[in-house]
Protein backbone atom coordinates (compact mmCIF):
# COMPACT_ATOMS: atom_id res chain seq x y z
CA LEU A 1 -21.89 -6.98 2.88
CA ALA A 2 -22.32 -10.70 4.28
CA GLY A 3 -24.66 -10.14 6.41
CA ARG A 4 -22.53 -11.45 9.90
CA GLU A 5 -21.54 -8.86 12.89
CA PRO A 6 -18.10 -7.83 11.81
CA GLU A 7 -17.22 -8.88 15.07
CA ALA A 8 -18.25 -11.53 15.66
CA HIS A 9 -15.16 -12.22 13.33
CA PHE A 10 -13.08 -9.40 13.21
CA GLN A 11 -12.18 -6.89 16.31
CA TYR A 12 -9.59 -4.00 16.26
CA GLN A 13 -8.99 -0.98 18.32
CA GLN A 14 -8.59 2.62 17.28
CA LEU A 15 -4.85 3.68 17.75
CA GLN A 16 -4.81 6.87 20.04
CA ALA A 17 -0.23 7.61 18.52
CA ILE A 18 -1.02 6.98 15.05
CA THR A 19 3.40 7.67 14.56
CA HIS A 20 6.40 8.79 16.26
CA TYR A 21 8.79 10.20 14.09
CA PHE A 22 12.61 10.77 14.58
CA TYR A 23 14.42 13.02 12.50
CA GLU A 24 18.28 13.23 12.67
CA ASP A 25 18.45 16.91 14.21
CA GLY A 26 17.09 15.10 17.58
CA THR A 27 13.57 16.08 17.51
CA ARG A 28 10.82 13.48 18.25
CA LEU A 29 7.02 13.76 17.24
CA THR A 30 4.21 12.72 17.44
CA ALA A 31 1.86 12.15 14.70
CA TYR A 32 -2.03 11.74 17.42
CA ALA A 33 -5.24 10.48 16.07
CA ASP A 34 -7.04 13.75 17.65
CA LEU A 35 -6.16 16.63 16.55
CA GLU A 36 -5.58 18.88 18.83
CA ARG A 37 -3.30 16.94 20.46
CA TYR A 38 -1.44 16.80 17.37
CA ALA A 39 -1.38 20.41 17.09
CA GLN A 40 -0.95 20.50 20.37
CA GLU A 41 2.67 18.43 19.69
CA ILE A 42 3.25 20.05 16.29
CA THR A 43 3.24 24.01 18.01
CA ALA A 44 5.69 22.44 20.86
CA LYS A 45 7.45 20.37 19.04
CA LEU A 46 8.28 22.26 16.11
CA GLY A 47 7.78 25.83 17.25
CA VAL A 48 5.06 27.26 14.66
CA GLU A 49 1.47 27.83 14.61
CA ALA A 50 -1.04 25.23 13.67
CA ALA A 51 -3.45 26.77 11.32
CA PRO A 52 -1.93 25.24 8.39
CA LEU A 53 -2.09 21.34 9.63
CA ARG A 54 -5.58 22.29 10.68
CA ARG A 55 -6.82 23.05 7.53
CA PHE A 56 -4.41 21.05 5.39
CA LEU A 57 -6.86 17.82 6.71
CA HIS A 58 -9.32 20.03 5.71
CA ARG A 59 -7.89 19.70 2.78
CA SER A 60 -7.07 16.07 2.67
CA ALA A 61 -11.08 15.22 3.75
CA GLU A 62 -12.25 17.89 0.96
CA LYS A 63 -10.99 15.68 -2.00
CA TYR A 64 -10.82 12.87 0.15
CA ALA A 65 -15.38 13.54 -0.53
CA LEU A 66 -14.22 14.35 -4.69
CA THR A 67 -12.38 11.31 -4.96
CA GLU A 68 -13.66 8.62 -2.88
CA GLN A 69 -16.94 7.75 -5.29
CA ILE A 70 -15.86 8.06 -8.26
CA PHE A 71 -12.38 6.00 -7.80
CA LEU A 72 -11.95 4.05 -4.81
CA GLN A 73 -15.63 2.51 -5.08
CA SER A 74 -16.19 2.55 -8.58
CA SER A 75 -15.28 1.23 -11.85
CA LEU A 76 -13.47 4.04 -14.10
CA HIS A 77 -13.89 1.57 -16.79
CA ARG A 78 -17.75 1.65 -17.35
CA TRP A 79 -18.69 5.36 -18.81
CA GLN A 80 -22.16 4.29 -16.01
CA SER A 81 -19.38 5.62 -13.71
CA TYR A 82 -19.48 9.13 -15.64
CA LEU A 83 -23.05 9.39 -15.18
CA ASN A 84 -23.73 10.98 -11.85
CA TRP A 85 -23.13 13.71 -9.18
CA PRO A 86 -20.37 12.46 -7.40
CA THR A 87 -18.32 12.94 -10.97
CA LEU A 88 -20.86 15.87 -11.88
CA ARG A 89 -19.18 17.44 -8.72
CA ALA A 90 -15.56 16.62 -8.95
CA ILE A 91 -15.33 17.89 -12.01
CA PHE A 92 -16.79 21.13 -11.35
CA ASN A 93 -13.81 21.46 -8.25
CA LEU A 94 -11.18 19.97 -10.29
CA PRO A 95 -8.85 22.81 -9.25
CA LYS A 96 -9.18 21.27 -5.19
CA LEU A 97 -7.60 17.53 -6.36
CA ASP A 98 -4.04 19.64 -7.00
CA LEU A 99 -3.71 17.04 -10.18
CA PHE A 100 -1.35 19.32 -12.14
CA SER A 101 0.74 19.76 -8.65
CA THR A 102 3.01 17.26 -7.26
CA MET A 103 2.51 16.64 -3.69
CA ASN A 104 5.81 17.88 -2.60
CA THR A 105 5.04 21.55 -4.11
CA VAL A 106 1.62 21.92 -2.90
CA ASN A 107 2.98 20.63 0.75
CA GLU A 108 5.97 23.45 0.76
CA ARG A 109 3.30 25.64 -0.01
CA SER A 110 0.79 24.67 2.30
CA LEU A 111 2.51 23.28 5.65
CA PRO A 112 4.76 25.60 7.90
CA HIS A 113 8.16 23.66 8.70
CA PRO A 114 10.08 21.58 6.72
CA LYS A 115 10.07 18.79 8.39
CA LEU A 116 6.07 18.92 8.32
CA VAL A 117 6.61 18.70 4.64
CA GLN A 118 9.31 15.46 5.03
CA LEU A 119 6.26 13.84 7.50
CA PHE A 120 3.32 14.56 4.34
CA ASN A 121 5.66 13.81 1.53
CA ARG A 122 6.21 9.74 2.99
CA TYR A 123 2.35 9.59 2.73
CA ALA A 124 3.63 9.59 -1.52
CA THR A 125 4.93 6.04 -0.12
CA TYR A 126 1.91 4.14 0.97
CA ASN A 127 1.32 3.15 -3.28
CA GLY A 128 5.43 3.19 -4.04
CA SER A 129 4.73 6.56 -5.78
CA ASP A 130 8.00 9.40 -5.17
CA PRO A 131 6.68 12.34 -3.18
CA TYR A 132 8.88 14.98 -5.80
CA GLN A 133 6.88 13.31 -9.06
CA THR A 134 3.60 12.07 -7.78
CA PRO A 135 0.27 14.49 -8.07
CA ALA A 136 -0.72 16.28 -5.27
CA THR A 137 -4.71 14.44 -5.52
CA LEU A 138 -2.73 11.42 -3.36
CA ASN A 139 -2.64 13.91 -0.32
CA ILE A 140 -6.21 12.54 0.29
CA ILE A 141 -4.23 9.45 1.80
CA PRO A 142 -3.42 11.44 5.61
CA HIS A 143 -6.76 11.76 5.34
CA LEU A 144 -7.69 7.85 5.95
CA GLU A 145 -5.27 8.31 9.42
CA HIS A 146 -6.09 11.36 10.36
CA GLY A 147 -9.92 11.58 9.23
CA ILE A 148 -11.21 7.90 9.55
CA GLY A 149 -8.44 6.73 12.22
CA ALA A 150 -5.26 4.57 12.71
CA PHE A 151 -6.34 0.61 13.47
CA PHE A 152 -4.36 -2.25 14.79
CA PRO A 153 -6.52 -5.57 14.23
CA ARG A 154 -6.49 -7.50 16.99
CA GLY A 155 -4.22 -11.04 16.99
CA GLY A 156 -1.90 -7.86 13.97
CA MET A 157 -2.42 -7.98 10.65
CA HIS A 158 -2.97 -12.27 9.13
CA ALA A 159 -5.70 -11.83 10.86
CA ILE A 160 -7.67 -9.55 8.13
CA THR A 161 -6.89 -12.92 6.19
CA ARG A 162 -7.78 -15.63 9.26
CA SER A 163 -11.29 -13.30 9.50
CA LEU A 164 -11.77 -13.21 5.44
CA PHE A 165 -10.97 -16.52 4.90
CA SER A 166 -12.98 -18.33 7.95
CA LEU A 167 -15.94 -16.15 6.89
CA ALA A 168 -15.98 -17.11 3.01
CA GLN A 169 -15.97 -20.66 4.66
CA GLU A 170 -18.75 -20.44 6.23
CA LEU A 171 -20.45 -18.32 3.54
CA GLY A 172 -19.60 -21.78 1.59
CA ALA A 173 -16.39 -20.29 -0.45
CA THR A 174 -13.60 -24.25 -0.60
CA PHE A 175 -9.81 -23.53 -0.59
CA HIS A 176 -7.36 -25.64 -2.39
CA LEU A 177 -4.40 -24.19 -1.00
CA GLY A 178 -0.51 -25.27 -1.99
CA GLN A 179 -1.82 -26.10 -5.51
CA ARG A 180 -0.92 -24.55 -8.63
CA VAL A 181 -2.88 -22.44 -10.88
CA ASP A 182 -0.82 -23.51 -14.69
CA GLN A 183 -3.53 -21.66 -16.78
CA ILE A 184 -6.58 -19.62 -16.85
CA GLU A 185 -8.11 -21.10 -19.64
CA VAL A 186 -10.18 -20.14 -22.54
CA ALA A 187 -12.87 -20.54 -24.76
CA THR A 188 -12.54 -19.40 -28.59
CA ASN A 189 -15.72 -20.35 -29.88
CA GLY A 190 -18.32 -16.93 -30.60
CA ARG A 191 -16.64 -14.69 -28.18
CA ALA A 192 -13.97 -15.20 -26.34
CA ARG A 193 -14.45 -16.28 -22.79
CA VAL A 194 -13.32 -18.36 -19.42
CA ALA A 195 -14.16 -21.35 -19.65
CA GLY A 196 -11.95 -22.49 -16.08
CA VAL A 197 -8.44 -22.77 -14.21
CA ARG A 198 -5.76 -25.37 -15.35
CA VAL A 199 -4.36 -26.51 -11.64
CA ASP A 200 -1.31 -28.70 -11.48
CA GLY A 201 -2.07 -30.16 -14.70
CA GLN A 202 -6.03 -30.63 -14.58
CA PHE A 203 -8.68 -29.06 -15.76
CA CYS A 204 -11.05 -26.67 -13.73
CA PRO A 205 -14.28 -25.45 -14.92
CA ALA A 206 -15.43 -22.78 -13.68
CA GLN A 207 -18.06 -20.10 -15.30
CA LEU A 208 -16.16 -17.25 -14.11
CA VAL A 209 -12.56 -16.35 -13.38
CA VAL A 210 -11.41 -13.75 -10.89
CA SER A 211 -7.38 -12.88 -10.62
CA ASN A 212 -5.85 -11.10 -7.89
CA MET A 213 -2.55 -12.19 -9.32
CA ASP A 214 -0.30 -9.47 -9.97
CA VAL A 215 -2.59 -8.34 -13.48
CA VAL A 216 1.08 -8.34 -16.16
CA ASN A 217 1.81 -12.11 -15.33
CA THR A 218 -1.80 -12.62 -14.72
CA TYR A 219 -1.35 -12.03 -18.53
CA ARG A 220 2.29 -13.18 -19.30
CA HIS A 221 2.07 -17.16 -17.27
CA LEU A 222 -1.22 -17.69 -17.53
CA LEU A 223 -3.19 -16.27 -20.55
CA PRO A 224 -0.23 -16.38 -23.32
CA GLN A 225 -2.60 -17.18 -25.87
CA ALA A 226 -4.61 -14.19 -24.90
CA GLN A 227 -4.39 -10.48 -26.38
CA GLN A 228 -1.56 -8.47 -24.11
CA PRO A 229 -2.59 -5.29 -22.99
CA ALA A 230 0.70 -3.64 -23.63
CA LYS A 231 0.32 0.25 -22.50
CA ILE A 232 -1.24 -1.16 -19.29
CA LEU A 233 1.30 -3.90 -18.85
CA ASP A 234 4.50 -1.79 -20.16
CA GLN A 235 3.72 0.96 -17.61
CA PRO A 236 6.81 2.06 -15.26
CA LYS A 237 6.13 -0.03 -12.13
CA SER A 238 6.19 1.12 -8.20
CA SER A 239 9.12 1.28 -5.81
CA SER A 240 9.42 -2.63 -4.06
CA ALA A 241 10.90 -2.93 -0.55
CA LEU A 242 14.08 -4.04 1.19
CA ILE A 243 12.21 -5.62 4.97
CA PHE A 244 14.60 -7.40 8.08
CA TYR A 245 12.97 -9.67 10.27
CA TRP A 246 14.36 -8.77 13.54
CA GLY A 247 14.22 -10.15 17.40
CA VAL A 248 15.56 -8.05 19.27
CA ALA A 249 16.42 -9.13 22.38
CA ARG A 250 15.02 -5.45 24.50
CA THR A 251 12.53 -3.81 25.44
CA PHE A 252 12.19 0.27 23.78
CA PRO A 253 10.14 1.84 25.58
CA GLU A 254 9.77 5.41 23.52
CA LEU A 255 8.11 3.68 20.26
CA ASP A 256 5.18 2.84 19.80
CA LEU A 257 3.38 -0.13 17.10
CA HIS A 258 4.26 2.81 14.48
CA ASN A 259 8.05 4.38 13.84
CA ILE A 260 9.87 6.32 11.20
CA PHE A 261 13.62 7.73 11.54
CA PHE A 262 14.59 9.91 8.42
CA SER A 263 17.04 10.42 6.30
CA GLN A 264 18.17 13.83 6.03
CA ASN A 265 17.73 14.71 2.95
CA TYR A 266 14.32 12.61 1.56
CA ARG A 267 14.75 14.29 -2.32
CA GLU A 268 18.27 12.09 -2.86
CA GLU A 269 16.68 9.48 -1.43
CA PHE A 270 13.95 9.28 -4.00
CA ALA A 271 15.81 10.80 -6.81
CA THR A 272 18.23 7.97 -6.01
CA ILE A 273 15.46 4.95 -5.57
CA PHE A 274 13.20 5.71 -8.96
CA GLN A 275 15.92 7.44 -11.02
CA LYS A 276 18.80 5.57 -10.12
CA ARG A 277 17.22 2.51 -9.28
CA GLY A 278 19.33 1.59 -5.79
CA ILE A 279 19.35 2.19 -1.91
CA TYR A 280 20.15 5.14 0.05
CA HIS A 281 23.06 5.72 2.43
CA ASP A 282 20.80 6.99 3.93
CA PRO A 283 17.60 6.01 3.96
CA THR A 284 13.91 6.48 5.64
CA VAL A 285 13.36 3.61 8.21
CA TYR A 286 9.90 2.34 9.24
CA VAL A 287 9.85 0.02 12.01
CA ASN A 288 6.53 -2.22 13.40
CA ILE A 289 6.65 -3.39 16.25
CA THR A 290 3.36 -5.35 16.88
CA SER A 291 4.47 -7.11 20.25
CA LYS A 292 3.04 -3.26 21.62
CA TYR A 293 0.10 -4.66 21.62
CA GLU A 294 0.20 -8.15 20.76
CA PRO A 295 2.73 -9.53 24.10
CA GLY A 296 2.87 -13.00 22.43
CA ASP A 297 4.83 -11.87 19.48
CA ALA A 298 7.77 -11.84 21.58
CA PRO A 299 9.30 -12.96 24.18
CA PRO A 300 9.55 -11.19 28.21
CA GLY A 301 11.69 -8.40 27.55
CA ALA A 302 12.44 -8.04 24.07
CA GLU A 303 10.86 -7.44 21.11
CA ASN A 304 9.87 -8.07 17.22
CA TRP A 305 11.03 -5.60 15.10
CA PHE A 306 9.65 -5.07 11.26
CA VAL A 307 11.97 -2.68 9.39
CA MET A 308 11.77 -1.80 6.05
CA ILE A 309 13.03 0.53 3.68
CA ASN A 310 11.89 1.61 0.28
CA VAL A 311 13.88 0.87 -2.96
CA PRO A 312 13.65 0.30 -5.97
CA ASN A 313 11.71 -3.17 -8.28
CA ASN A 314 13.55 -5.60 -9.30
CA GLN A 315 16.00 -4.84 -12.27
CA GLY A 316 18.59 -6.71 -11.82
CA GLN A 317 20.74 -4.96 -9.31
CA ASN A 318 23.57 -6.37 -7.40
CA TRP A 319 20.67 -6.74 -4.39
CA ASP A 320 24.22 -9.22 -2.04
CA GLU A 321 26.34 -6.45 -2.38
CA LEU A 322 22.83 -3.45 -1.84
CA ILE A 323 21.48 -5.59 1.45
CA ALA A 324 24.82 -5.45 3.34
CA GLN A 325 24.71 -2.11 2.86
CA ALA A 326 22.08 -1.27 3.67
CA ARG A 327 21.40 -2.85 7.14
CA GLN A 328 25.00 -1.58 7.89
CA ALA A 329 23.36 1.89 6.97
CA ILE A 330 19.79 0.63 9.36
CA VAL A 331 21.68 -0.46 11.87
CA ALA A 332 24.14 2.53 12.41
CA LYS A 333 20.99 4.99 11.76
CA LEU A 334 19.26 3.25 14.44
CA SER A 335 21.04 3.34 16.81
CA ARG A 336 22.45 6.91 16.66
CA LEU A 337 19.15 7.67 16.34
CA LEU A 338 17.80 5.59 20.05
CA GLN A 339 21.58 6.06 21.34
CA THR A 340 21.74 2.57 21.94
CA ASP A 341 24.52 -0.57 20.20
CA LEU A 342 21.26 -2.25 17.90
CA ALA A 343 23.99 -4.93 16.36
CA PRO A 344 24.26 -6.52 19.50
CA LEU A 345 20.66 -6.58 20.37
CA ILE A 346 19.05 -8.28 17.30
CA ALA A 347 19.23 -12.22 18.37
CA ALA A 348 17.33 -13.59 14.76
CA GLU A 349 16.50 -12.15 11.16
CA ALA A 350 15.35 -12.64 8.49
CA VAL A 351 15.54 -10.55 5.21
CA LEU A 352 12.77 -10.04 2.43
CA ASP A 353 13.92 -8.24 -1.13
CA PRO A 354 12.68 -7.50 -3.94
CA ARG A 355 13.37 -10.67 -5.75
CA SER A 356 12.39 -13.06 -2.44
CA ILE A 357 8.92 -10.67 -2.68
CA GLU A 358 8.98 -11.40 -7.33
CA ALA A 359 9.59 -15.27 -6.08
CA LYS A 360 7.07 -15.78 -3.12
CA THR A 361 4.21 -13.54 -4.92
CA SER A 362 4.18 -12.91 -8.03
CA SER A 363 4.71 -9.65 -8.54
CA SER A 364 5.95 -7.70 -11.54
CA GLN A 365 9.28 -6.53 -10.86
CA GLY A 366 8.59 -7.68 -6.94
CA ALA A 367 6.59 -4.12 -7.13
CA LEU A 368 4.97 -3.55 -3.91
CA TYR A 369 1.80 -1.64 -6.02
CA GLY A 370 1.38 -2.73 -9.23
CA ASN A 371 2.28 0.37 -11.52
CA SER A 372 3.40 3.60 -10.52
CA SER A 373 1.54 6.61 -10.05
CA ASN A 374 4.14 9.20 -9.88
CA ASN A 375 2.33 10.59 -12.87
CA ARG A 376 -0.93 12.13 -12.75
CA TYR A 377 -2.83 9.89 -15.62
CA ALA A 378 -1.92 6.94 -13.82
CA ALA A 379 -5.51 6.31 -12.12
CA PHE A 380 -6.20 5.58 -15.53
CA LEU A 381 -3.42 3.51 -16.69
CA ARG A 382 -4.03 0.85 -14.18
CA HIS A 383 -6.49 -2.54 -15.79
CA ALA A 384 -9.96 -2.62 -14.93
CA ASN A 385 -11.52 -4.87 -12.56
CA PHE A 386 -12.68 -6.58 -15.93
CA SER A 387 -11.68 -7.75 -19.00
CA THR A 388 -13.04 -6.19 -22.46
CA GLN A 389 -11.97 -9.54 -24.46
CA ILE A 390 -12.86 -12.67 -22.35
CA LYS A 391 -16.39 -13.03 -21.40
CA ASN A 392 -16.32 -13.55 -17.21
CA LEU A 393 -13.13 -12.54 -16.36
CA TYR A 394 -12.24 -10.36 -13.69
CA PHE A 395 -8.96 -9.10 -12.21
CA CYS A 396 -8.45 -8.18 -7.76
CA GLY A 397 -5.43 -6.94 -5.76
CA GLY A 398 -3.54 -4.09 -5.94
CA SER A 399 -2.15 -4.11 -9.41
CA VAL A 400 -5.21 -3.20 -10.50
CA HIS A 401 -7.74 -0.53 -9.91
CA PRO A 402 -7.82 1.12 -7.51
CA GLY A 403 -4.81 0.51 -6.36
CA GLY A 404 -2.30 -0.95 -4.18
CA GLY A 405 -2.62 -1.11 -0.31
CA ILE A 406 -4.71 -3.10 2.00
CA PRO A 407 -7.89 -1.08 1.68
CA LEU A 408 -7.35 -0.07 -1.93
CA SER A 409 -7.33 -4.03 -2.79
CA LEU A 410 -9.98 -5.43 -0.67
CA LEU A 411 -12.05 -2.23 -2.14
CA SER A 412 -10.82 -3.34 -5.77
CA ALA A 413 -11.92 -6.90 -4.77
CA LYS A 414 -15.93 -4.92 -4.24
CA ILE A 415 -15.66 -3.52 -7.32
CA VAL A 416 -15.19 -6.89 -8.40
CA GLY A 417 -18.33 -8.70 -6.61
CA ASP A 418 -20.55 -5.32 -7.20
CA GLU A 419 -19.87 -5.92 -11.26
CA VAL A 420 -20.98 -9.98 -10.83
CA GLY A 421 -23.60 -9.32 -8.88
CA LEU A 422 -24.72 -7.15 -11.23
CA ARG A 423 -24.17 -9.22 -14.32
CA TRP A 424 -25.42 -12.10 -12.73
CA HIS A 425 -28.51 -10.16 -11.91
CA ARG A 426 -28.85 -9.05 -15.63
CA LYS A 427 -29.47 -13.07 -16.31
């Protein structure tokens, strides 16, 4: 988009083994990028025909093709977005989107083994949702990994940030880091419009302002005098995460970059998170180990483990007690499934929980993905990428359209860029 060679700023490699899955009965399954190899793995490990898997991923690709242009590349809040062939095609093919069925319902109907159902139900967590509530339209997500690919950035995830930072500087952007934005200033003579921002008590004039802060706290803390879009801001929030950063004093050759250790009762796990607002006693555990691809991320003979479980957002729970219980359950589960006593191998530890996520990022209730997607209208209940009441005010990031997670957050920024470019071109 900037007219530069991407490779000069950012390098990445495609993963051949996307995720390693571990089940309580000892089953180990690898989701390979190559569909035929993945199909052979399913047949060998689960004893089922692979044809349903192929059909499922084909339908995932169809859903993606029908929704990408409408939901991911465009604003849902401009009437012009609906007057085109992609939108009409999606309307004509509405039954294929499974909007009125839950993800779990469609997965149980489509996949031949409970372990596969659980595996593909997991994709609801990619935007903090419950597969037993969220619409099956979200089955577009597997296509991103298996149709487009899963990739590892050289230098780790932070390389994405660094590459955008350096490119922006080349293009003339100036960054003011470590400075607190106190308020977005609005001029009210005539139609309300952005006047600038107040940073550390000083007013900085601006022709336009883009906020990538959580939209709830943008309104409540930076725009306290503006009319609050209560229906959108008060929507139920997504799940959050409890993360342990462990330095592990051993290497595990059976693990790779992405590893999932499943709970035995997925339905009860999600009910505990979204209905009981607690942490399930047998949580599904995600372990990310970047030193598998970046050896310098850990000392020789050791590994850096990012250990995450899905938890409810912050509503005043006794987190200290919940964290202690969860840590004990996680260590026991990983030790059991890896047949190794993990506790004495944890040489270093840091913790991130919903409280600290909320404090560090200003995310409402520490939710990772803004509003929950646990109803079929959720896509239409996200805030637009622009303000309808304040001219030249824009929004991007995981709490607004099109949604949370790194790919969608970047797409929200692109939508804002298109919106700003269109408005300035008209001038």
